[in-house]
Amino acid sequence: MQQDLNYQFLKGILSRYRIPSEELLEAILHNSRVKSYEDKEVLLRLSEIYTKIVLIQEGKAIALEKVKQKKYLDWIWSPNEVIIHASSSLENRISDVEIVFPIASTTLEIDLIDLFRIREQFTELNYYVNRFLAQKNSKLKKHIRWIKRTDAKERIAQFRDDHKDIFYVITDEQKASYLKMSLRWFQKNK
């Protein structure tokens, strides 16, 4: 039963871009695993090398960037999104962020080595990897436009609506950093 759910989940994610072949789906599922994380569990520590691609089935993940002993919220992944930390998964570089699950979450994960092996056999996988990277880039551009075009109160209200499951879990300082405002301004306008 779980395998059927994973199959439907993976097919749904990939079908957003184009219907995947059954062989590709089977190869990915054969090499992937479902993993559950508790709240505040770390997926990737600062300075580690990222070694897998993660699809969020349930829950959320956040990227925290450490600057002068403070952790700033850099990115949020929601269900049906792919955690690709591009700078460390495409190159063998250490991570400049920590990726944490602020709430209990379930993922479908595949090691990069297995993914590269599958990519050699199924070149159509390149299309999906490119789409995931393009999606992340598009989300970043939308976030920047949103920051520039909305006032503080509107950003805070929308953040609260979009991320109500983590709004009271992460710190005000982290929310303010993600919304590109000072902590004082955030607290005045929340």
C-alpha atoms as a PDB file:
ATOM      1  CA  MET A   1       0.000   0.000   0.000  1.00  0.00           C
ATOM      2  CA  GLN A   2       2.768   2.488   0.941  1.00  0.00           C
ATOM      3  CA  GLN A   3       4.518   1.685  -2.345  1.00  0.00           C
ATOM      4  CA  ASP A   4       1.292   2.564  -4.222  1.00  0.00           C
ATOM      5  CA  LEU A   5       1.054   5.880  -2.359  1.00  0.00           C
ATOM      6  CA  ASN A   6       4.706   6.662  -3.095  1.00  0.00           C
ATOM      7  CA  TYR A   7       4.143   5.766  -6.745  1.00  0.00           C
ATOM      8  CA  GLN A   8       1.150   8.126  -6.986  1.00  0.00           C
ATOM      9  CA  PHE A   9       3.013  10.870  -5.132  1.00  0.00           C
ATOM     10  CA  LEU A  10       6.097  10.643  -7.362  1.00  0.00           C
ATOM     11  CA  LYS A  11       4.049  10.383 -10.534  1.00  0.00           C
ATOM     12  CA  GLY A  12       2.047  13.445  -9.468  1.00  0.00           C
ATOM     13  CA  ILE A  13       5.199  15.489  -8.825  1.00  0.00           C
ATOM     14  CA  LEU A  14       6.809  14.550 -12.152  1.00  0.00           C
ATOM     15  CA  SER A  15       3.565  14.820 -14.156  1.00  0.00           C
ATOM     16  CA  ARG A  16       3.388  18.538 -13.403  1.00  0.00           C
ATOM     17  CA  TYR A  17       6.002  18.901 -16.120  1.00  0.00           C
ATOM     18  CA  ARG A  18       5.455  15.885 -18.363  1.00  0.00           C
ATOM     19  CA  ILE A  19       4.172  12.309 -17.937  1.00  0.00           C
ATOM     20  CA  PRO A  20       7.147  10.141 -16.855  1.00  0.00           C
ATOM     21  CA  SER A  21       7.790   6.680 -18.244  1.00  0.00           C
ATOM     22  CA  GLU A  22       6.808   3.748 -16.033  1.00  0.00           C
ATOM     23  CA  GLU A  23      10.402   2.497 -16.172  1.00  0.00           C
ATOM     24  CA  LEU A  24      11.730   5.783 -14.778  1.00  0.00           C
ATOM     25  CA  LEU A  25       9.150   5.805 -11.978  1.00  0.00           C
ATOM     26  CA  GLU A  26      10.029   2.228 -11.024  1.00  0.00           C
ATOM     27  CA  ALA A  27      13.775   2.956 -11.075  1.00  0.00           C
ATOM     28  CA  ILE A  28      13.387   5.998  -8.825  1.00  0.00           C
ATOM     29  CA  LEU A  29      11.030   4.225  -6.416  1.00  0.00           C
ATOM     30  CA  HIS A  30      13.295   1.179  -6.242  1.00  0.00           C
ATOM     31  CA  ASN A  31      16.168   3.427  -5.097  1.00  0.00           C
ATOM     32  CA  SER A  32      14.228   5.814  -2.855  1.00  0.00           C
ATOM     33  CA  ARG A  33      12.957   5.555   0.690  1.00  0.00           C
ATOM     34  CA  VAL A  34      10.305   7.177   2.819  1.00  0.00           C
ATOM     35  CA  LYS A  35      11.623   8.871   5.915  1.00  0.00           C
ATOM     36  CA  SER A  36       9.827  10.533   8.808  1.00  0.00           C
ATOM     37  CA  TYR A  37      11.315  13.444  10.728  1.00  0.00           C
ATOM     38  CA  GLU A  38      10.359  14.784  14.132  1.00  0.00           C
ATOM     39  CA  ASP A  39       9.898  18.503  14.690  1.00  0.00           C
ATOM     40  CA  LYS A  40      13.205  20.380  14.822  1.00  0.00           C
ATOM     41  CA  GLU A  41      15.082  17.425  13.295  1.00  0.00           C
ATOM     42  CA  VAL A  42      17.971  18.410  11.039  1.00  0.00           C
ATOM     43  CA  LEU A  43      18.238  17.186   7.439  1.00  0.00           C
ATOM     44  CA  LEU A  44      21.506  18.962   6.660  1.00  0.00           C
ATOM     45  CA  ARG A  45      23.921  20.641   9.020  1.00  0.00           C
ATOM     46  CA  LEU A  46      25.954  23.696   8.181  1.00  0.00           C
ATOM     47  CA  SER A  47      29.229  22.658   6.485  1.00  0.00           C
ATOM     48  CA  GLU A  48      28.005  19.150   5.571  1.00  0.00           C
ATOM     49  CA  ILE A  49      27.844  17.950   1.982  1.00  0.00           C
ATOM     50  CA  TYR A  50      24.294  17.433   0.732  1.00  0.00           C
ATOM     51  CA  THR A  51      23.994  13.905  -0.635  1.00  0.00           C
ATOM     52  CA  LYS A  52      20.329  13.433  -1.557  1.00  0.00           C
ATOM     53  CA  ILE A  53      17.272  14.871  -3.246  1.00  0.00           C
ATOM     54  CA  VAL A  54      14.244  15.112  -0.953  1.00  0.00           C
ATOM     55  CA  LEU A  55      10.570  15.392  -1.917  1.00  0.00           C
ATOM     56  CA  ILE A  56       8.343  16.613   0.903  1.00  0.00           C
ATOM     57  CA  GLN A  57       5.182  14.546   1.241  1.00  0.00           C
ATOM     58  CA  GLU A  58       3.908  16.142   4.467  1.00  0.00           C
ATOM     59  CA  GLY A  59       5.225  18.912   6.697  1.00  0.00           C
ATOM     60  CA  LYS A  60       7.720  21.666   5.943  1.00  0.00           C
ATOM     61  CA  ALA A  61      11.451  22.245   5.814  1.00  0.00           C
ATOM     62  CA  ILE A  62      13.358  25.481   6.281  1.00  0.00           C
ATOM     63  CA  ALA A  63      16.864  26.619   5.419  1.00  0.00           C
ATOM     64  CA  LEU A  64      18.620  28.603   8.122  1.00  0.00           C
ATOM     65  CA  GLU A  65      21.667  30.682   7.297  1.00  0.00           C
ATOM     66  CA  LYS A  66      23.997  31.434  10.187  1.00  0.00           C
ATOM     67  CA  VAL A  67      25.406  34.964  10.283  1.00  0.00           C
ATOM     68  CA  LYS A  68      27.284  36.209  13.332  1.00  0.00           C
ATOM     69  CA  GLN A  69      25.850  33.538  15.648  1.00  0.00           C
ATOM     70  CA  LYS A  70      22.238  34.215  14.525  1.00  0.00           C
ATOM     71  CA  LYS A  71      20.181  31.936  12.305  1.00  0.00           C
ATOM     72  CA  TYR A  72      18.206  33.674   9.581  1.00  0.00           C
ATOM     73  CA  LEU A  73      15.363  32.053   7.655  1.00  0.00           C
ATOM     74  CA  ASP A  74      16.539  31.748   4.068  1.00  0.00           C
ATOM     75  CA  TRP A  75      14.028  29.398   2.407  1.00  0.00           C
ATOM     76  CA  ILE A  76      10.838  27.398   3.059  1.00  0.00           C
ATOM     77  CA  TRP A  77       9.827  24.135   1.371  1.00  0.00           C
ATOM     78  CA  SER A  78       6.216  22.959   1.559  1.00  0.00           C
ATOM     79  CA  PRO A  79       4.506  19.665   0.647  1.00  0.00           C
ATOM     80  CA  ASN A  80       5.024  18.553  -2.961  1.00  0.00           C
ATOM     81  CA  GLU A  81       8.209  20.604  -3.262  1.00  0.00           C
ATOM     82  CA  VAL A  82      11.695  19.296  -3.892  1.00  0.00           C
ATOM     83  CA  ILE A  83      14.523  20.160  -1.536  1.00  0.00           C
ATOM     84  CA  ILE A  84      17.425  20.827  -3.832  1.00  0.00           C
ATOM     85  CA  HIS A  85      20.154  22.835  -2.196  1.00  0.00           C
ATOM     86  CA  ALA A  86      21.702  23.622  -5.562  1.00  0.00           C
ATOM     87  CA  SER A  87      25.082  24.894  -4.466  1.00  0.00           C
ATOM     88  CA  SER A  88      25.900  21.720  -2.570  1.00  0.00           C
ATOM     89  CA  SER A  89      23.954  19.058  -4.474  1.00  0.00           C
ATOM     90  CA  LEU A  90      25.200  19.910  -7.943  1.00  0.00           C
ATOM     91  CA  GLU A  91      28.763  20.496  -6.859  1.00  0.00           C
ATOM     92  CA  ASN A  92      30.522  18.698  -4.052  1.00  0.00           C
ATOM     93  CA  ARG A  93      30.531  21.773  -1.837  1.00  0.00           C
ATOM     94  CA  ILE A  94      29.786  22.113   1.824  1.00  0.00           C
ATOM     95  CA  SER A  95      26.432  23.604   2.693  1.00  0.00           C
ATOM     96  CA  ASP A  96      26.165  27.247   3.657  1.00  0.00           C
ATOM     97  CA  VAL A  97      22.787  26.640   5.343  1.00  0.00           C
ATOM     98  CA  GLU A  98      21.221  24.244   7.808  1.00  0.00           C
ATOM     99  CA  ILE A  99      18.037  22.521   6.634  1.00  0.00           C
ATOM    100  CA  VAL A 100      15.603  21.717   9.440  1.00  0.00           C
ATOM    101  CA  PHE A 101      12.077  20.321   9.704  1.00  0.00           C
ATOM    102  CA  PRO A 102      10.317  22.749  12.072  1.00  0.00           C
ATOM    103  CA  ILE A 103       7.323  20.376  12.312  1.00  0.00           C
ATOM    104  CA  ALA A 104       6.989  16.615  11.944  1.00  0.00           C
ATOM    105  CA  SER A 105       7.425  15.783   8.263  1.00  0.00           C
ATOM    106  CA  THR A 106       7.499  12.850   5.861  1.00  0.00           C
ATOM    107  CA  THR A 107       9.728  12.723   2.805  1.00  0.00           C
ATOM    108  CA  LEU A 108      10.617  10.566  -0.171  1.00  0.00           C
ATOM    109  CA  GLU A 109      14.410  10.602  -0.557  1.00  0.00           C
ATOM    110  CA  ILE A 110      16.954   9.361  -3.065  1.00  0.00           C
ATOM    111  CA  ASP A 111      20.722   9.487  -2.751  1.00  0.00           C
ATOM    112  CA  LEU A 112      22.478  11.559  -5.393  1.00  0.00           C
ATOM    113  CA  ILE A 113      24.682   8.609  -6.361  1.00  0.00           C
ATOM    114  CA  ASP A 114      21.581   6.533  -7.142  1.00  0.00           C
ATOM    115  CA  LEU A 115      19.982   9.463  -8.945  1.00  0.00           C
ATOM    116  CA  PHE A 116      23.075   9.942 -11.130  1.00  0.00           C
ATOM    117  CA  ARG A 117      23.094   6.217 -11.916  1.00  0.00           C
ATOM    118  CA  ILE A 118      19.415   6.373 -12.930  1.00  0.00           C
ATOM    119  CA  ARG A 119      20.118   9.491 -14.994  1.00  0.00           C
ATOM    120  CA  GLU A 120      22.699   7.563 -17.021  1.00  0.00           C
ATOM    121  CA  GLN A 121      20.083   4.936 -17.847  1.00  0.00           C
ATOM    122  CA  PHE A 122      17.099   7.302 -18.295  1.00  0.00           C
ATOM    123  CA  THR A 123      18.133  10.579 -19.897  1.00  0.00           C
ATOM    124  CA  GLU A 124      14.566  11.887 -19.461  1.00  0.00           C
ATOM    125  CA  LEU A 125      15.483  12.423 -15.796  1.00  0.00           C
ATOM    126  CA  ASN A 126      17.607  15.412 -16.867  1.00  0.00           C
ATOM    127  CA  TYR A 127      14.416  17.158 -17.959  1.00  0.00           C
ATOM    128  CA  TYR A 128      12.886  16.818 -14.477  1.00  0.00           C
ATOM    129  CA  VAL A 129      16.022  17.931 -12.643  1.00  0.00           C
ATOM    130  CA  ASN A 130      16.165  20.999 -14.894  1.00  0.00           C
ATOM    131  CA  ARG A 131      12.477  21.705 -14.195  1.00  0.00           C
ATOM    132  CA  PHE A 132      13.025  21.436 -10.417  1.00  0.00           C
ATOM    133  CA  LEU A 133      15.915  23.906 -10.611  1.00  0.00           C
ATOM    134  CA  ALA A 134      13.885  26.257 -12.819  1.00  0.00           C
ATOM    135  CA  GLN A 135      10.988  26.030 -10.350  1.00  0.00           C
ATOM    136  CA  LYS A 136      13.263  26.984  -7.465  1.00  0.00           C
ATOM    137  CA  ASN A 137      14.607  29.926  -9.469  1.00  0.00           C
ATOM    138  CA  SER A 138      11.068  31.026 -10.350  1.00  0.00           C
ATOM    139  CA  LYS A 139       9.982  30.799  -6.698  1.00  0.00           C
ATOM    140  CA  LEU A 140      12.974  32.934  -5.691  1.00  0.00           C
ATOM    141  CA  LYS A 141      12.097  35.594  -8.290  1.00  0.00           C
ATOM    142  CA  LYS A 142       8.458  35.646  -7.122  1.00  0.00           C
ATOM    143  CA  HIS A 143       9.619  36.003  -3.516  1.00  0.00           C
ATOM    144  CA  ILE A 144      11.827  38.967  -4.418  1.00  0.00           C
ATOM    145  CA  ARG A 145       9.011  40.662  -6.357  1.00  0.00           C
ATOM    146  CA  TRP A 146       6.629  40.017  -3.450  1.00  0.00           C
ATOM    147  CA  ILE A 147       9.079  41.586  -0.975  1.00  0.00           C
ATOM    148  CA  LYS A 148       9.475  44.666  -3.180  1.00  0.00           C
ATOM    149  CA  ARG A 149       5.777  45.164  -3.954  1.00  0.00           C
ATOM    150  CA  THR A 150       4.048  44.595  -0.628  1.00  0.00           C
ATOM    151  CA  ASP A 151       4.132  46.544   2.598  1.00  0.00           C
ATOM    152  CA  ALA A 152       5.151  45.060   5.947  1.00  0.00           C
ATOM    153  CA  LYS A 153       1.661  44.361   7.296  1.00  0.00           C
ATOM    154  CA  GLU A 154       0.583  42.663   4.076  1.00  0.00           C
ATOM    155  CA  ARG A 155       3.735  40.486   3.967  1.00  0.00           C
ATOM    156  CA  ILE A 156       3.251  39.445   7.592  1.00  0.00           C
ATOM    157  CA  ALA A 157      -0.446  38.605   7.059  1.00  0.00           C
ATOM    158  CA  GLN A 158       0.261  36.603   3.923  1.00  0.00           C
ATOM    159  CA  PHE A 159       3.169  34.783   5.582  1.00  0.00           C
ATOM    160  CA  ARG A 160       0.884  33.900   8.505  1.00  0.00           C
ATOM    161  CA  ASP A 161      -1.789  32.578   6.095  1.00  0.00           C
ATOM    162  CA  ASP A 162       0.646  30.660   3.866  1.00  0.00           C
ATOM    163  CA  HIS A 163       2.666  29.167   6.718  1.00  0.00           C
ATOM    164  CA  LYS A 164       0.212  28.907   9.630  1.00  0.00           C
ATOM    165  CA  ASP A 165       1.601  25.454  10.478  1.00  0.00           C
ATOM    166  CA  ILE A 166       5.015  26.921  11.325  1.00  0.00           C
ATOM    167  CA  PHE A 167       4.132  30.532  12.174  1.00  0.00           C
ATOM    168  CA  TYR A 168       4.264  29.954  15.933  1.00  0.00           C
ATOM    169  CA  VAL A 169       7.089  27.419  15.726  1.00  0.00           C
ATOM    170  CA  ILE A 170       9.824  29.571  14.226  1.00  0.00           C
ATOM    171  CA  THR A 171      11.141  32.687  15.938  1.00  0.00           C
ATOM    172  CA  ASP A 172      10.034  36.232  15.179  1.00  0.00           C
ATOM    173  CA  GLU A 173      13.628  36.961  14.219  1.00  0.00           C
ATOM    174  CA  GLN A 174      13.528  34.198  11.592  1.00  0.00           C
ATOM    175  CA  LYS A 175      10.182  35.412  10.209  1.00  0.00           C
ATOM    176  CA  ALA A 176      11.482  38.991  10.040  1.00  0.00           C
ATOM    177  CA  SER A 177      14.600  37.902   8.172  1.00  0.00           C
ATOM    178  CA  TYR A 178      12.538  35.960   5.608  1.00  0.00           C
ATOM    179  CA  LEU A 179      10.251  38.960   5.162  1.00  0.00           C
ATOM    180  CA  LYS A 180      13.279  41.275   4.818  1.00  0.00           C
ATOM    181  CA  MET A 181      12.494  43.561   7.728  1.00  0.00           C
ATOM    182  CA  SER A 182      13.974  44.291  11.114  1.00  0.00           C
ATOM    183  CA  LEU A 183      12.788  42.342  14.138  1.00  0.00           C
ATOM    184  CA  ARG A 184      11.486  45.557  15.693  1.00  0.00           C
ATOM    185  CA  TRP A 185       9.476  46.436  12.564  1.00  0.00           C
ATOM    186  CA  PHE A 186       8.099  42.890  12.371  1.00  0.00           C
ATOM    187  CA  GLN A 187       6.967  42.937  15.988  1.00  0.00           C
ATOM    188  CA  LYS A 188       5.396  46.377  15.573  1.00  0.00           C
ATOM    189  CA  ASN A 189       3.378  45.237  12.532  1.00  0.00           C
ATOM    190  CA  LYS A 190       2.389  41.668  13.381  1.00  0.00           C
END
